[in-house]
C-alpha atoms as a PDB file:
ATOM      1  CA  MET A   1     -12.679   6.306   2.012  1.00  0.00           C
ATOM      2  CA  LYS A   2     -15.029   5.983   4.310  1.00  0.00           C
ATOM      3  CA  ASN A   3     -13.211   6.692   7.762  1.00  0.00           C
ATOM      4  CA  ARG A   4     -14.241   3.782  10.009  1.00  0.00           C
ATOM      5  CA  ALA A   5     -11.234   4.338  12.050  1.00  0.00           C
ATOM      6  CA  TRP A   6     -12.290   7.725  13.081  1.00  0.00           C
ATOM      7  CA  ASP A   7     -16.184   6.399  13.802  1.00  0.00           C
ATOM      8  CA  LYS A   8     -14.681   3.169  15.879  1.00  0.00           C
ATOM      9  CA  MET A   9     -12.347   5.215  17.988  1.00  0.00           C
ATOM     10  CA  LYS A  10     -13.640   8.953  18.122  1.00  0.00           C
ATOM     11  CA  ASP A  11     -15.279   8.149  21.502  1.00  0.00           C
ATOM     12  CA  LYS A  12     -12.310   6.753  23.229  1.00  0.00           C
ATOM     13  CA  TYR A  13     -10.354   9.914  22.537  1.00  0.00           C
ATOM     14  CA  PRO A  14     -12.835  12.488  22.880  1.00  0.00           C
ATOM     15  CA  ASN A  15     -10.000  15.362  22.988  1.00  0.00           C
ATOM     16  CA  LEU A  16      -9.299  14.623  19.086  1.00  0.00           C
ATOM     17  CA  MET A  17     -10.808  16.800  16.550  1.00  0.00           C
ATOM     18  CA  LEU A  18     -11.416  15.844  13.051  1.00  0.00           C
ATOM     19  CA  VAL A  19      -9.958  17.958  10.420  1.00  0.00           C
ATOM     20  CA  GLY A  20     -10.911  17.904   7.097  1.00  0.00           C
ATOM     21  CA  GLN A  21     -13.623  15.401   5.662  1.00  0.00           C
ATOM     22  CA  ASP A  22     -14.185  13.800   2.144  1.00  0.00           C
ATOM     23  CA  LYS A  23     -18.241  14.049   1.516  1.00  0.00           C
ATOM     24  CA  GLY A  24     -18.148  11.905  -1.518  1.00  0.00           C
ATOM     25  CA  GLU A  25     -19.400   8.446  -2.234  1.00  0.00           C
ATOM     26  CA  ASN A  26     -16.936   5.536  -1.913  1.00  0.00           C
ATOM     27  CA  PRO A  27     -18.193   1.960  -2.067  1.00  0.00           C
ATOM     28  CA  ASP A  28     -17.614  -0.038   1.519  1.00  0.00           C
ATOM     29  CA  ASN A  29     -16.920  -3.560   1.854  1.00  0.00           C
ATOM     30  CA  THR A  30     -15.819  -4.153  -1.819  1.00  0.00           C
ATOM     31  CA  LEU A  31     -14.599  -7.242  -2.726  1.00  0.00           C
ATOM     32  CA  ILE A  32     -12.211  -7.049  -5.744  1.00  0.00           C
ATOM     33  CA  VAL A  33     -11.227 -10.594  -7.426  1.00  0.00           C
ATOM     34  CA  SER A  34      -7.672 -10.541  -8.836  1.00  0.00           C
ATOM     35  CA  LYS A  35      -7.454 -10.789 -12.550  1.00  0.00           C
ATOM     36  CA  GLN A  36      -5.606 -13.998 -12.189  1.00  0.00           C
ATOM     37  CA  VAL A  37      -8.548 -15.968 -10.776  1.00  0.00           C
ATOM     38  CA  SER A  38     -10.647 -17.965 -13.507  1.00  0.00           C
ATOM     39  CA  SER A  39     -13.825 -16.363 -14.631  1.00  0.00           C
ATOM     40  CA  ALA A  40     -15.502 -19.260 -13.747  1.00  0.00           C
ATOM     41  CA  LEU A  41     -14.776 -19.196  -9.812  1.00  0.00           C
ATOM     42  CA  ALA A  42     -15.104 -15.088 -10.133  1.00  0.00           C
ATOM     43  CA  GLU A  43     -18.641 -15.610 -11.112  1.00  0.00           C
ATOM     44  CA  LYS A  44     -19.305 -18.254  -8.430  1.00  0.00           C
ATOM     45  CA  VAL A  45     -18.024 -16.138  -5.713  1.00  0.00           C
ATOM     46  CA  ARG A  46     -20.093 -13.077  -7.374  1.00  0.00           C
ATOM     47  CA  ALA A  47     -23.735 -15.493  -7.889  1.00  0.00           C
ATOM     48  CA  ALA A  48     -22.901 -16.251  -3.840  1.00  0.00           C
ATOM     49  CA  LEU A  49     -22.457 -13.069  -2.617  1.00  0.00           C
ATOM     50  CA  LEU A  50     -25.337 -11.540  -4.482  1.00  0.00           C
ATOM     51  CA  ALA A  51     -27.548 -14.079  -3.359  1.00  0.00           C
ATOM     52  CA  VAL A  52     -27.014 -13.393   0.271  1.00  0.00           C
ATOM     53  CA  LYS A  53     -29.650 -10.349   0.021  1.00  0.00           C
ATOM     54  CA  GLU A  54     -32.606 -12.735  -0.712  1.00  0.00           C
ATOM     55  CA  ASP A  55     -31.386 -15.916   1.407  1.00  0.00           C
ATOM     56  CA  ALA A  56     -33.217 -16.367   4.770  1.00  0.00           C
ATOM     57  CA  SER A  57     -31.542 -19.068   5.783  1.00  0.00           C
ATOM     58  CA  PRO A  58     -29.818 -18.878   9.094  1.00  0.00           C
ATOM     59  CA  GLU A  59     -25.982 -19.070   7.866  1.00  0.00           C
ATOM     60  CA  ALA A  60     -27.213 -16.100   5.327  1.00  0.00           C
ATOM     61  CA  GLU A  61     -29.186 -14.148   8.412  1.00  0.00           C
ATOM     62  CA  ALA A  62     -25.769 -14.703  10.342  1.00  0.00           C
ATOM     63  CA  VAL A  63     -23.351 -13.138   7.477  1.00  0.00           C
ATOM     64  CA  LYS A  64     -25.981  -9.821   7.235  1.00  0.00           C
ATOM     65  CA  ASN A  65     -26.328  -9.477  11.108  1.00  0.00           C
ATOM     66  CA  SER A  66     -22.461 -10.179  11.718  1.00  0.00           C
ATOM     67  CA  MET A  67     -21.450  -7.502   8.813  1.00  0.00           C
ATOM     68  CA  ALA A  68     -24.579  -5.260   9.538  1.00  0.00           C
ATOM     69  CA  ILE A  69     -25.795  -5.266   5.898  1.00  0.00           C
ATOM     70  CA  GLN A  70     -28.595  -5.947   3.928  1.00  0.00           C
ATOM     71  CA  GLY A  71     -26.927  -7.942   1.292  1.00  0.00           C
ATOM     72  CA  PHE A  72     -24.206  -7.336  -1.266  1.00  0.00           C
ATOM     73  CA  LEU A  73     -24.429  -5.022  -4.532  1.00  0.00           C
ATOM     74  CA  LYS A  74     -22.566  -5.509  -7.756  1.00  0.00           C
ATOM     75  CA  THR A  75     -20.351  -2.469  -8.542  1.00  0.00           C
ATOM     76  CA  THR A  76     -18.750  -1.471 -11.911  1.00  0.00           C
ATOM     77  CA  SER A  77     -15.883   1.201 -12.088  1.00  0.00           C
ATOM     78  CA  THR A  78     -18.055   4.017 -12.345  1.00  0.00           C
ATOM     79  CA  ASP A  79     -18.719   3.578  -8.471  1.00  0.00           C
ATOM     80  CA  PHE A  80     -15.047   3.743  -7.908  1.00  0.00           C
ATOM     81  CA  GLU A  81     -14.547   7.234  -9.728  1.00  0.00           C
ATOM     82  CA  HIS A  82     -14.613   9.362  -6.545  1.00  0.00           C
ATOM     83  CA  THR A  83     -12.184   6.672  -4.788  1.00  0.00           C
ATOM     84  CA  LEU A  84      -9.573   6.702  -7.609  1.00  0.00           C
ATOM     85  CA  SER A  85      -9.761  10.515  -7.973  1.00  0.00           C
ATOM     86  CA  LEU A  86      -8.635  10.462  -4.143  1.00  0.00           C
ATOM     87  CA  LEU A  87      -5.873   7.693  -4.712  1.00  0.00           C
ATOM     88  CA  LYS A  88      -4.607   9.864  -7.785  1.00  0.00           C
ATOM     89  CA  GLN A  89      -4.657  13.088  -5.490  1.00  0.00           C
ATOM     90  CA  ALA A  90      -2.767  11.107  -2.693  1.00  0.00           C
ATOM     91  CA  GLY A  91       0.016   9.825  -5.550  1.00  0.00           C
ATOM     92  CA  VAL A  92      -1.190   6.486  -5.690  1.00  0.00           C
ATOM     93  CA  THR A  93      -0.247   4.482  -8.547  1.00  0.00           C
ATOM     94  CA  LYS A  94       0.259   0.803  -9.940  1.00  0.00           C
ATOM     95  CA  SER A  95       3.702   0.792  -8.509  1.00  0.00           C
ATOM     96  CA  PHE A  96       2.976   2.505  -5.405  1.00  0.00           C
ATOM     97  CA  ASN A  97       4.441   0.447  -2.539  1.00  0.00           C
ATOM     98  CA  PHE A  98       2.034   0.170   0.197  1.00  0.00           C
ATOM     99  CA  ALA A  99       4.785  -1.304   2.489  1.00  0.00           C
ATOM    100  CA  HIS A 100       6.343   1.635   3.410  1.00  0.00           C
END
């Protein structure tokens, strides 16, 4: 995963040292829709997010500026191969209890 926590805090704690690093690519700010959501609603959300890139309205510009993005891109399961590999190496499974 992208180490946004390190990026955000490294200047605050100059005596800390980064040990190890993952150079693989992982999608950033990804929205994953539950399988329980209707496909019609999922499609509306997908279309709205993808439209932000070309939208020059003040609202869309505010979203892009606040998130420091140019827009959203459609991803596929292939985009997550590296991420899923890291999760597998860490022992995360479908039944993994993230609460503990």
